[in-house]
């Protein structure tokens, strides 16, 4: 969770001549969680319990910019339609609530449960001010627990439960995972400005012992912050006898698409130390490293906890610290990404993280009306306008080309084609790009980067694209989840057209499915 000085001053969305904020329902997401009003950033402590998904998040209940950091709370039965609950953990004088995670303590190892009710344990960062025991700005880890499924919380009497010596202003973002071989929990935290992950262990969630540090040589820069470390166990290629670990770390600034983003490291964890697989040589281009997302708007990724028997799921904040406080939405500012399911597969001889929309999303598209096409040839420099219009849609397509040109699709396009978000694949250079330079409102920030490009190899001159288009975003999952690209867009309400195109060489649309999700 970044304490962002740039967000300290109010930045207004659209205002009328009477200086009254104009609400923007045309950009209210239909598939992604956003609060009814006010500022939201990092997801915190998401988990599943007895048929309900819980999502907490960094929330300012008093304004449209970062500040007064509290934990908002929302619940869902399908990860798509959310009910906003009352604020779960509010900031108090002298103690802000930064990011963290939640554990379902089923066996009451913490001893905080009562009457056979397993407690929920929230581990979070407290930021102190005007406290005689801690210099202003000190960050330390604290604990709160709930006995009513997260409706109310009690802060632990011995907070903070974990501090650094000397005190640190950059020690934050505890994330907790159960390590079954050792029968203890492992916490990952960061010293953000040192680009250092610290690992601890505990058997009761209240007392923590230091395990090790993770600070690899690699893509690091002065002034870069590491945040929201998350450790995830995944079976390589589905082999339960070959469990690997993935360390996910958010970085800000200097991510692959500019500003903030998420990097990950594959490796092994022996219960004490995480050892990363061999990394590119120092000085290598940032593209040589593993990135969770190659778009600009994916940050603070965190695993959804307590999902036994299910593939690990991840959710992120869909924004970028470069311009998050200037987004032109009202009366809210901030939304989450679509929850995704993770798998680890061998790609060109190395472990690679694959991401696809969570199965709950597939259930939604399966019961929604759709149209399909197959075998449509695109002439060189040809355009194929589709006879469908949507503001919210799911699009899957397979493109093939034996030539050396480009082919792709434009979504949220205006009737005169002047506005639209263009997704293009260059079959000659093996590059996937998303161009949002003409996607609608773009002038609210000079840092709203217009084009994002990533390397992607075709399979037999063919690529697959899965697009999730919402009222103010496009998420791309390419080649069955090998590459992900997430970007915010702010189109005019009437921009609902779709067209496919080829450039410089013919292309073939092998299959195309469009599912309308406007309802």
Protein backbone atom coordinates (compact mmCIF):
# COMPACT_ATOMS: atom_id res chain seq x y z
CA UNK A 1 0.00 0.00 0.00
CA UNK A 2 1.68 3.19 -1.15
CA UNK A 3 1.45 6.31 0.92
CA UNK A 4 1.08 8.52 -2.12
CA UNK A 5 1.94 12.22 -1.61
CA UNK A 6 0.66 13.00 -5.11
CA UNK A 7 -2.80 11.93 -4.01
CA UNK A 8 -2.87 14.18 -0.98
CA UNK A 9 -4.65 17.02 -2.74
CA UNK A 10 -8.17 16.65 -4.08
CA UNK A 11 -8.26 16.04 -7.82
CA UNK A 12 -11.68 16.55 -9.33
CA UNK A 13 -13.39 14.43 -11.94
CA UNK A 14 -15.83 16.10 -14.32
CA UNK A 15 -17.29 19.33 -12.94
CA UNK A 16 -20.04 21.55 -14.26
CA UNK A 17 -19.90 25.33 -14.46
CA UNK A 18 -21.60 25.47 -11.05
CA UNK A 19 -18.64 23.51 -9.59
CA UNK A 20 -20.83 20.51 -8.82
CA UNK A 21 -19.36 17.09 -9.48
CA UNK A 22 -21.02 15.37 -12.43
CA UNK A 23 -21.57 11.68 -11.81
CA UNK A 24 -20.33 9.24 -14.46
CA UNK A 25 -22.60 6.16 -14.46
CA UNK A 26 -21.47 5.39 -18.03
CA UNK A 27 -18.15 4.26 -16.54
CA UNK A 28 -19.48 2.35 -13.54
CA UNK A 29 -18.15 -1.22 -14.00
CA UNK A 30 -20.67 -4.01 -14.37
CA UNK A 31 -18.29 -6.96 -13.86
CA UNK A 32 -15.72 -5.45 -11.49
CA UNK A 33 -16.20 -4.32 -7.91
CA UNK A 34 -16.20 -0.59 -7.22
CA UNK A 35 -17.44 1.17 -4.06
CA UNK A 36 -20.63 3.19 -4.24
CA UNK A 37 -18.64 6.32 -3.48
CA UNK A 38 -15.18 7.56 -2.52
CA UNK A 39 -11.64 6.32 -2.99
CA UNK A 40 -10.51 2.68 -3.11
CA UNK A 41 -7.13 1.09 -3.77
CA UNK A 42 -5.48 -2.21 -2.68
CA UNK A 43 -7.58 -5.34 -2.15
CA UNK A 44 -7.03 -6.63 1.38
CA UNK A 45 -7.69 -10.02 2.93
CA UNK A 46 -10.05 -11.60 0.37
CA UNK A 47 -11.30 -15.04 1.39
CA UNK A 48 -14.09 -17.59 0.90
CA UNK A 49 -16.19 -18.91 3.78
CA UNK A 50 -19.34 -21.05 3.71
CA UNK A 51 -20.50 -20.00 0.26
CA UNK A 52 -19.63 -16.30 0.54
CA UNK A 53 -16.66 -14.46 -0.92
CA UNK A 54 -15.36 -11.60 1.22
CA UNK A 55 -13.31 -8.70 -0.10
CA UNK A 56 -11.72 -6.00 2.03
CA UNK A 57 -9.95 -3.02 0.51
CA UNK A 58 -8.11 0.20 1.24
CA UNK A 59 -10.86 2.80 1.48
CA UNK A 60 -11.24 6.48 2.23
CA UNK A 61 -14.79 6.86 3.57
CA UNK A 62 -14.43 10.65 3.50
CA UNK A 63 -13.20 11.54 0.03
CA UNK A 64 -12.20 10.84 -3.54
CA UNK A 65 -8.44 10.69 -2.98
CA UNK A 66 -6.13 8.53 -0.89
CA UNK A 67 -6.33 9.22 2.85
CA UNK A 68 -8.06 8.28 6.13
CA UNK A 69 -7.14 4.72 5.20
CA UNK A 70 -9.66 2.20 6.48
CA UNK A 71 -10.73 -1.29 5.45
CA UNK A 72 -13.88 -1.32 3.35
CA UNK A 73 -15.79 -4.60 3.03
CA UNK A 74 -17.88 -6.26 0.32
CA UNK A 75 -19.40 -9.73 -0.06
CA UNK A 76 -20.44 -11.84 -3.04
CA UNK A 77 -21.82 -15.26 -3.90
CA UNK A 78 -20.23 -15.40 -7.36
CA UNK A 79 -17.15 -13.08 -7.33
CA UNK A 80 -18.94 -10.82 -9.82
CA UNK A 81 -21.93 -9.24 -8.11
CA UNK A 82 -20.94 -7.56 -4.86
CA UNK A 83 -22.81 -6.17 -1.88
CA UNK A 84 -21.02 -3.34 -0.11
CA UNK A 85 -20.94 -3.86 3.65
CA UNK A 86 -20.25 -1.28 6.38
CA UNK A 87 -16.61 -0.28 6.89
CA UNK A 88 -14.92 -3.20 8.64
CA UNK A 89 -11.90 -1.57 10.26
CA UNK A 90 -11.85 2.20 10.44
CA UNK A 91 -8.84 4.42 10.86
CA UNK A 92 -8.57 5.90 14.33
CA UNK A 93 -6.76 9.03 15.52
CA UNK A 94 -3.05 8.40 15.23
CA UNK A 95 -3.46 4.97 13.62
CA UNK A 96 -4.14 4.46 9.91
CA UNK A 97 -5.03 1.02 8.53
CA UNK A 98 -2.79 -0.04 5.66
CA UNK A 99 -2.96 -3.28 3.67
CA UNK A 100 -2.94 -6.85 4.95
CA UNK A 101 -4.59 -10.26 4.78
CA UNK A 102 -7.20 -12.38 6.55
CA UNK A 103 -6.86 -15.96 7.83
CA UNK A 104 -9.79 -18.29 8.57
CA UNK A 105 -8.45 -19.86 11.78
CA UNK A 106 -10.53 -23.05 11.56
CA UNK A 107 -8.68 -24.88 14.34
CA UNK A 108 -8.57 -21.83 16.63
CA UNK A 109 -4.80 -21.98 16.82
CA UNK A 110 -4.83 -18.34 17.85
CA UNK A 111 -7.01 -19.08 20.87
CA UNK A 112 -9.18 -16.10 19.97
CA UNK A 113 -12.26 -18.13 19.03
CA UNK A 114 -15.19 -18.58 21.41
CA UNK A 115 -18.11 -20.99 21.68
CA UNK A 116 -16.69 -23.21 18.92
CA UNK A 117 -16.72 -20.27 16.48
CA UNK A 118 -13.48 -20.17 14.46
CA UNK A 119 -12.14 -16.62 14.41
CA UNK A 120 -11.22 -14.60 11.38
CA UNK A 121 -7.77 -13.12 11.90
CA UNK A 122 -6.86 -9.91 10.08
CA UNK A 123 -3.16 -9.06 9.94
CA UNK A 124 -2.58 -5.53 8.73
CA UNK A 125 -0.17 -2.60 8.86
CA UNK A 126 -0.70 0.14 11.41
CA UNK A 127 0.78 3.55 10.63
CA UNK A 128 1.40 5.50 13.83
CA UNK A 129 1.30 9.24 14.43
CA UNK A 130 1.34 11.19 17.68
CA UNK A 131 2.15 8.01 19.59
CA UNK A 132 4.71 8.23 22.41
CA UNK A 133 5.92 4.68 21.75
CA UNK A 134 6.53 5.12 18.02
CA UNK A 135 7.96 7.98 15.92
CA UNK A 136 5.47 9.53 13.51
CA UNK A 137 5.09 7.45 10.36
CA UNK A 138 6.23 4.19 11.95
CA UNK A 139 4.73 1.13 10.25
CA UNK A 140 4.21 -2.13 12.13
CA UNK A 141 2.01 -5.19 11.85
CA UNK A 142 -1.15 -5.52 13.94
CA UNK A 143 -3.94 -8.05 14.47
CA UNK A 144 -7.72 -7.85 14.70
CA UNK A 145 -10.20 -10.71 14.95
CA UNK A 146 -13.86 -11.29 14.18
CA UNK A 147 -16.31 -13.86 15.55
CA UNK A 148 -19.25 -12.87 13.33
CA UNK A 149 -17.95 -13.54 9.80
CA UNK A 150 -16.27 -10.17 9.45
CA UNK A 151 -19.17 -7.92 10.45
CA UNK A 152 -17.36 -6.57 13.52
CA UNK A 153 -13.73 -6.68 14.58
CA UNK A 154 -11.78 -6.48 17.83
CA UNK A 155 -8.22 -5.18 17.77
CA UNK A 156 -5.72 -7.28 19.69
CA UNK A 157 -4.72 -5.82 23.03
CA UNK A 158 -1.01 -6.32 22.36
CA UNK A 159 -0.84 -4.50 19.02
CA UNK A 160 1.46 -4.09 17.25
CA UNK A 161 2.40 -7.76 17.20
CA UNK A 162 5.41 -7.34 14.88
CA UNK A 163 7.82 -4.42 14.60
CA UNK A 164 11.26 -3.77 13.20
CA UNK A 165 14.14 -2.50 15.29
CA UNK A 166 14.78 0.32 14.78
CA UNK A 167 11.30 1.43 13.79
CA UNK A 168 10.63 1.65 10.06
CA UNK A 169 8.39 3.92 8.01
CA UNK A 170 8.36 1.37 5.17
CA UNK A 171 7.55 -1.98 6.86
CA UNK A 172 4.15 -3.09 5.59
CA UNK A 173 1.68 -5.31 3.72
CA UNK A 174 1.59 -8.64 5.62
CA UNK A 175 0.33 -11.58 3.58
CA UNK A 176 -0.13 -14.97 5.26
CA UNK A 177 -0.14 -18.50 3.83
CA UNK A 178 -0.34 -21.89 5.57
CA UNK A 179 2.77 -24.05 5.17
CA UNK A 180 1.45 -27.59 5.63
CA UNK A 181 4.79 -29.48 5.89
CA UNK A 182 5.78 -27.40 8.91
CA UNK A 183 2.28 -26.88 10.32
CA UNK A 184 2.74 -23.13 10.65
CA UNK A 185 1.78 -19.91 8.93
CA UNK A 186 4.27 -17.95 6.86
CA UNK A 187 3.99 -14.17 6.61
CA UNK A 188 5.57 -12.14 3.83
CA UNK A 189 6.09 -8.42 4.42
CA UNK A 190 8.19 -5.75 2.75
CA UNK A 191 10.58 -3.01 3.62
CA UNK A 192 9.29 -1.10 0.64
CA UNK A 193 12.10 1.37 -0.09
CA UNK A 194 14.78 -1.32 0.37
CA UNK A 195 13.00 -3.59 -2.15
CA UNK A 196 13.21 -6.31 0.48
CA UNK A 197 10.74 -9.08 1.35
CA UNK A 198 10.90 -10.37 4.92
CA UNK A 199 9.49 -13.80 5.85
CA UNK A 200 8.25 -14.84 9.30
CA UNK A 201 6.50 -17.88 10.77
CA UNK A 202 3.95 -18.43 13.52
CA UNK A 203 1.89 -21.27 14.97
CA UNK A 204 -0.68 -19.03 16.66
CA UNK A 205 -0.81 -15.93 14.39
CA UNK A 206 0.12 -13.74 17.36
CA UNK A 207 3.82 -14.46 17.86
CA UNK A 208 6.09 -14.30 14.83
CA UNK A 209 9.67 -15.50 14.34
CA UNK A 210 11.95 -14.25 11.59
CA UNK A 211 12.73 -16.76 8.84
CA UNK A 212 14.67 -15.07 6.05
CA UNK A 213 14.96 -12.16 3.62
CA UNK A 214 14.34 -12.19 -0.11
CA UNK A 215 16.16 -9.48 -2.04
CA UNK A 216 17.32 -10.79 -5.41
CA UNK A 217 19.63 -9.06 -7.81
CA UNK A 218 17.67 -8.04 -10.85
CA UNK A 219 15.32 -5.33 -11.97
CA UNK A 220 15.68 -2.82 -9.12
CA UNK A 221 16.06 0.96 -9.24
CA UNK A 222 16.67 3.73 -6.68
CA UNK A 223 13.32 5.09 -5.58
CA UNK A 224 11.39 1.97 -6.60
CA UNK A 225 9.06 0.62 -3.92
CA UNK A 226 8.17 -3.03 -3.43
CA UNK A 227 4.73 -3.68 -1.95
CA UNK A 228 2.08 -6.35 -1.37
CA UNK A 229 4.27 -9.51 -1.41
CA UNK A 230 2.24 -12.69 -1.88
CA UNK A 231 3.61 -16.24 -1.78
CA UNK A 232 1.61 -18.86 -3.73
CA UNK A 233 2.21 -22.62 -4.05
CA UNK A 234 1.42 -24.14 -7.46
CA UNK A 235 1.97 -27.60 -8.94
CA UNK A 236 4.10 -27.32 -12.06
CA UNK A 237 2.15 -28.67 -15.05
CA UNK A 238 -0.42 -30.07 -12.63
CA UNK A 239 2.08 -32.51 -11.10
CA UNK A 240 1.34 -32.75 -7.37
CA UNK A 241 4.81 -34.19 -6.80
CA UNK A 242 6.44 -31.05 -8.20
CA UNK A 243 5.13 -28.11 -6.17
CA UNK A 244 6.79 -24.80 -6.89
CA UNK A 245 6.30 -21.40 -5.29
CA UNK A 246 5.66 -18.01 -6.84
CA UNK A 247 6.59 -14.75 -5.10
CA UNK A 248 4.37 -11.95 -6.38
CA UNK A 249 5.54 -8.39 -5.67
CA UNK A 250 4.01 -5.07 -6.68
CA UNK A 251 6.51 -2.43 -7.84
CA UNK A 252 6.11 1.33 -8.11
CA UNK A 253 7.29 3.10 -10.19
CA UNK A 254 9.16 1.75 -13.27
CA UNK A 255 6.88 -1.16 -14.01
CA UNK A 256 6.85 -2.75 -17.46
CA UNK A 257 4.07 -0.41 -18.70
CA UNK A 258 5.16 2.64 -16.68
CA UNK A 259 4.19 3.65 -13.17
CA UNK A 260 3.03 0.81 -10.95
CA UNK A 261 2.73 -2.88 -11.82
CA UNK A 262 3.29 -6.43 -10.59
CA UNK A 263 6.38 -8.60 -10.98
CA UNK A 264 6.68 -12.25 -10.02
CA UNK A 265 9.44 -14.74 -9.30
CA UNK A 266 9.17 -18.50 -9.68
CA UNK A 267 11.18 -20.70 -7.36
CA UNK A 268 11.15 -23.02 -4.36
CA UNK A 269 10.32 -22.54 -0.69
CA UNK A 270 11.68 -24.95 1.93
CA UNK A 271 9.74 -23.59 4.89
CA UNK A 272 12.45 -21.06 5.72
CA UNK A 273 13.78 -19.49 2.56
CA UNK A 274 12.37 -18.66 -0.87
CA UNK A 275 14.94 -19.29 -3.59
CA UNK A 276 14.13 -17.81 -6.98
CA UNK A 277 14.83 -19.60 -10.23
CA UNK A 278 17.75 -18.12 -12.22
CA UNK A 279 17.09 -14.50 -13.15
CA UNK A 280 18.19 -12.50 -16.19
CA UNK A 281 21.62 -10.87 -15.87
CA UNK A 282 21.82 -7.49 -14.16
CA UNK A 283 21.12 -4.71 -16.61
CA UNK A 284 18.75 -6.84 -18.67
CA UNK A 285 15.75 -5.15 -20.23
CA UNK A 286 12.67 -5.11 -17.94
CA UNK A 287 10.83 -7.27 -20.48
CA UNK A 288 13.21 -10.14 -19.64
CA UNK A 289 11.57 -10.50 -16.23
CA UNK A 290 8.23 -12.05 -15.30
CA UNK A 291 5.34 -9.57 -15.19
CA UNK A 292 1.86 -10.46 -14.01
CA UNK A 293 0.35 -7.99 -16.45
CA UNK A 294 1.66 -5.99 -19.42
CA UNK A 295 -1.01 -3.30 -19.25
CA UNK A 296 -0.88 -0.25 -17.03
CA UNK A 297 -3.72 -1.01 -14.63
CA UNK A 298 -2.97 -3.99 -12.43
CA UNK A 299 -1.45 -3.44 -8.98
CA UNK A 300 -1.47 -4.80 -5.43
CA UNK A 301 -2.31 -8.36 -6.47
CA UNK A 302 -3.32 -10.65 -3.61
CA UNK A 303 -4.39 -14.27 -3.32
CA UNK A 304 -7.95 -15.07 -2.28
CA UNK A 305 -7.60 -17.23 0.85
CA UNK A 306 -9.36 -20.33 2.13
CA UNK A 307 -10.22 -21.95 -1.21
CA UNK A 308 -9.52 -25.66 -0.57
CA UNK A 309 -9.88 -27.82 -3.63
CA UNK A 310 -9.98 -24.82 -5.96
CA UNK A 311 -7.25 -23.42 -8.15
CA UNK A 312 -5.58 -20.42 -6.50
CA UNK A 313 -7.34 -17.16 -7.29
CA UNK A 314 -5.90 -13.67 -7.48
CA UNK A 315 -7.46 -10.21 -7.48
CA UNK A 316 -5.83 -6.79 -7.96
CA UNK A 317 -6.52 -3.08 -7.92
CA UNK A 318 -7.24 -1.91 -11.47
CA UNK A 319 -5.38 1.38 -11.52
CA UNK A 320 -1.94 2.97 -11.61
CA UNK A 321 -0.36 5.31 -9.07
CA UNK A 322 0.75 7.53 -11.97
CA UNK A 323 -2.80 8.85 -12.37
CA UNK A 324 -5.07 7.05 -9.88
CA UNK A 325 -6.05 10.27 -8.10
CA UNK A 326 -7.05 11.90 -11.41
CA UNK A 327 -9.39 9.28 -12.86
CA UNK A 328 -12.51 11.03 -14.25
CA UNK A 329 -15.07 8.86 -12.42
CA UNK A 330 -17.58 10.05 -9.83
CA UNK A 331 -18.78 9.60 -7.13
CA UNK A 332 -16.23 6.78 -6.80
CA UNK A 333 -12.62 6.35 -7.78
CA UNK A 334 -11.12 2.85 -8.05
CA UNK A 335 -12.16 -0.66 -9.08
CA UNK A 336 -10.83 -4.20 -8.86
CA UNK A 337 -9.69 -6.48 -11.65
CA UNK A 338 -11.58 -9.61 -12.54
CA UNK A 339 -10.58 -12.45 -10.18
CA UNK A 340 -8.35 -14.90 -12.03
CA UNK A 341 -7.41 -18.56 -11.61
CA UNK A 342 -3.69 -19.34 -11.58
CA UNK A 343 -1.68 -22.25 -12.92
CA UNK A 344 2.04 -22.83 -13.41
CA UNK A 345 3.12 -24.40 -16.68
CA UNK A 346 6.38 -25.02 -18.47
CA UNK A 347 6.86 -22.51 -21.28
CA UNK A 348 9.98 -22.79 -23.41
CA UNK A 349 11.67 -24.83 -20.69
CA UNK A 350 10.86 -22.53 -17.75
CA UNK A 351 7.97 -22.23 -15.25
CA UNK A 352 5.49 -19.56 -16.33
CA UNK A 353 2.39 -18.23 -14.58
CA UNK A 354 -0.84 -18.58 -16.55
CA UNK A 355 -3.96 -16.57 -15.70
CA UNK A 356 -7.54 -17.00 -16.89
CA UNK A 357 -10.81 -15.56 -15.58
CA UNK A 358 -12.05 -17.47 -12.54
CA UNK A 359 -14.61 -20.23 -13.31
CA UNK A 360 -17.37 -18.13 -11.76
CA UNK A 361 -16.99 -15.75 -14.69
CA UNK A 362 -17.29 -18.63 -17.16
CA UNK A 363 -20.60 -19.56 -15.54
CA UNK A 364 -21.88 -16.04 -16.23
CA UNK A 365 -20.90 -16.06 -19.90
CA UNK A 366 -22.32 -19.56 -20.39
CA UNK A 367 -25.83 -18.36 -19.56
CA UNK A 368 -25.63 -15.12 -21.56
CA UNK A 369 -26.64 -14.62 -25.23
CA UNK A 370 -23.82 -14.89 -27.73
CA UNK A 371 -23.06 -14.95 -31.45
CA UNK A 372 -20.36 -16.89 -33.27
CA UNK A 373 -18.55 -16.77 -36.60
CA UNK A 374 -15.93 -19.01 -38.20
CA UNK A 375 -13.59 -18.92 -41.17
CA UNK A 376 -13.89 -15.22 -42.00
CA UNK A 377 -11.10 -14.01 -44.29
CA UNK A 378 -9.74 -10.49 -43.80
CA UNK A 379 -8.16 -8.90 -46.86
CA UNK A 380 -4.96 -6.90 -46.45
CA UNK A 381 -6.01 -3.53 -45.01
CA UNK A 382 -9.54 -4.92 -44.69
CA UNK A 383 -12.06 -4.04 -41.98
CA UNK A 384 -14.95 -6.24 -40.83
CA UNK A 385 -17.61 -4.39 -38.80
CA UNK A 386 -19.61 -6.80 -36.67
CA UNK A 387 -23.41 -6.63 -36.62
CA UNK A 388 -23.50 -6.45 -32.80
CA UNK A 389 -23.14 -3.62 -30.29
CA UNK A 390 -22.33 -3.87 -26.58
CA UNK A 391 -20.92 -1.80 -23.74
CA UNK A 392 -20.04 -4.89 -21.70
CA UNK A 393 -18.94 -8.02 -23.51
CA UNK A 394 -16.83 -11.15 -23.59
CA UNK A 395 -14.94 -11.77 -26.84
CA UNK A 396 -12.92 -14.85 -27.78
CA UNK A 397 -11.15 -15.11 -31.12
CA UNK A 398 -8.48 -17.07 -32.92
CA UNK A 399 -6.42 -15.20 -35.53
CA UNK A 400 -4.19 -16.79 -38.15
CA UNK A 401 -1.85 -15.24 -40.69
CA UNK A 402 0.84 -16.62 -42.96
CA UNK A 403 1.88 -13.10 -43.89
CA UNK A 404 3.93 -10.44 -42.18
CA UNK A 405 1.22 -7.98 -41.31
CA UNK A 406 -1.01 -7.17 -38.37
CA UNK A 407 -4.52 -8.20 -37.42
CA UNK A 408 -6.78 -7.48 -34.50
CA UNK A 409 -9.98 -6.06 -33.12
CA UNK A 410 -11.30 -2.65 -32.09
CA UNK A 411 -13.78 -2.49 -29.20
CA UNK A 412 -15.92 0.28 -27.71
CA UNK A 413 -15.77 1.92 -31.13
CA UNK A 414 -17.81 4.94 -32.18
CA UNK A 415 -20.05 4.86 -35.24
CA UNK A 416 -17.63 7.05 -37.18
CA UNK A 417 -14.64 4.90 -36.04
CA UNK A 418 -12.83 7.93 -34.60
CA UNK A 419 -13.02 6.50 -31.10
CA UNK A 420 -12.12 2.99 -30.02
CA UNK A 421 -9.64 0.76 -28.22
CA UNK A 422 -7.49 -1.13 -30.72
CA UNK A 423 -5.96 -4.53 -29.89
CA UNK A 424 -3.48 -5.61 -32.55
CA UNK A 425 -1.08 -8.49 -33.11
CA UNK A 426 1.98 -8.05 -35.32
CA UNK A 427 2.68 -11.44 -36.92
CA UNK A 428 6.07 -10.27 -38.19
CA UNK A 429 7.48 -8.94 -34.92
CA UNK A 430 5.42 -11.16 -32.60
CA UNK A 431 4.08 -8.22 -30.60
CA UNK A 432 0.68 -7.76 -28.99
CA UNK A 433 -0.43 -4.17 -28.43
CA UNK A 434 -3.32 -2.28 -26.90
CA UNK A 435 -3.81 1.28 -28.13
CA UNK A 436 -6.08 3.43 -25.96
CA UNK A 437 -4.95 6.77 -27.38
CA UNK A 438 -8.39 7.27 -28.98
CA UNK A 439 -10.43 5.33 -26.42
CA UNK A 440 -12.44 8.30 -25.12
CA UNK A 441 -11.46 10.54 -22.21
CA UNK A 442 -7.66 10.51 -22.02
CA UNK A 443 -6.68 14.10 -21.19
CA UNK A 444 -7.21 13.92 -17.41
CA UNK A 445 -3.52 13.05 -16.92
CA UNK A 446 -0.39 13.39 -19.01
CA UNK A 447 0.78 10.06 -17.56
CA UNK A 448 -2.20 8.09 -18.91
CA UNK A 449 0.03 6.05 -21.21
CA UNK A 450 -1.54 5.52 -24.66
CA UNK A 451 -0.04 2.26 -25.96
CA UNK A 452 1.16 -0.93 -24.28
CA UNK A 453 3.14 -3.59 -26.14
CA UNK A 454 4.30 -7.08 -25.15
CA UNK A 455 6.16 -9.90 -26.85
CA UNK A 456 4.00 -12.95 -27.61
CA UNK A 457 4.96 -15.89 -29.80
CA UNK A 458 2.26 -17.42 -32.02
CA UNK A 459 1.46 -21.12 -32.16
CA UNK A 460 1.65 -22.25 -35.80
CA UNK A 461 1.05 -18.66 -36.98
CA UNK A 462 -2.02 -18.49 -34.74
CA UNK A 463 -2.87 -16.55 -31.60
CA UNK A 464 -5.87 -16.71 -29.30
CA UNK A 465 -7.32 -13.66 -27.59
CA UNK A 466 -9.87 -13.57 -24.80
CA UNK A 467 -11.16 -10.05 -24.07
CA UNK A 468 -13.30 -8.95 -21.14
CA UNK A 469 -14.70 -5.51 -21.96
CA UNK A 470 -16.45 -3.55 -19.22
CA UNK A 471 -17.76 0.01 -19.19
CA UNK A 472 -14.34 1.41 -18.32
CA UNK A 473 -11.79 -1.34 -18.89
CA UNK A 474 -10.39 -3.97 -21.22
CA UNK A 475 -8.69 -7.13 -19.94
CA UNK A 476 -6.84 -9.37 -22.40
CA UNK A 477 -5.87 -12.99 -21.77
CA UNK A 478 -3.73 -14.12 -24.70
CA UNK A 479 -2.76 -17.65 -25.73
CA UNK A 480 -4.83 -19.35 -23.04
CA UNK A 481 -3.57 -17.06 -20.28
CA UNK A 482 0.12 -16.96 -21.15
CA UNK A 483 0.01 -13.16 -21.28
CA UNK A 484 -2.32 -10.70 -19.57
CA UNK A 485 -2.93 -7.03 -20.35
CA UNK A 486 -5.26 -4.82 -18.30
CA UNK A 487 -6.10 -1.21 -19.16
CA UNK A 488 -8.64 1.36 -18.09
CA UNK A 489 -10.59 3.20 -20.79
CA UNK A 490 -13.26 5.92 -20.60
CA UNK A 491 -15.32 5.78 -23.81
CA UNK A 492 -18.38 7.81 -24.71
CA UNK A 493 -21.59 5.98 -23.93
CA UNK A 494 -22.50 5.62 -27.61
CA UNK A 495 -19.24 3.89 -28.53
CA UNK A 496 -20.55 0.33 -28.67
CA UNK A 497 -19.33 -0.97 -32.04
CA UNK A 498 -16.84 -3.77 -32.74
CA UNK A 499 -14.72 -4.33 -35.84
CA UNK A 500 -11.91 -6.63 -36.88
CA UNK A 501 -9.08 -5.61 -39.18
CA UNK A 502 -6.00 -6.74 -41.05
CA UNK A 503 -3.12 -4.53 -42.09
CA UNK A 504 -0.36 -5.08 -44.66
CA UNK A 505 -1.25 -8.77 -45.15
CA UNK A 506 -4.36 -10.96 -45.22
CA UNK A 507 -5.50 -12.74 -42.06
CA UNK A 508 -8.07 -15.35 -41.13
CA UNK A 509 -10.49 -15.16 -38.23
CA UNK A 510 -10.67 -18.88 -37.50
CA UNK A 511 -13.30 -18.51 -34.77
CA UNK A 512 -15.01 -15.58 -33.07
CA UNK A 513 -17.47 -15.59 -30.15
CA UNK A 514 -19.08 -12.41 -28.80
CA UNK A 515 -21.18 -12.61 -25.64
CA UNK A 516 -23.15 -9.58 -24.55
CA UNK A 517 -23.01 -8.92 -20.80
CA UNK A 518 -24.86 -5.60 -20.70
CA UNK A 519 -27.73 -7.07 -18.67
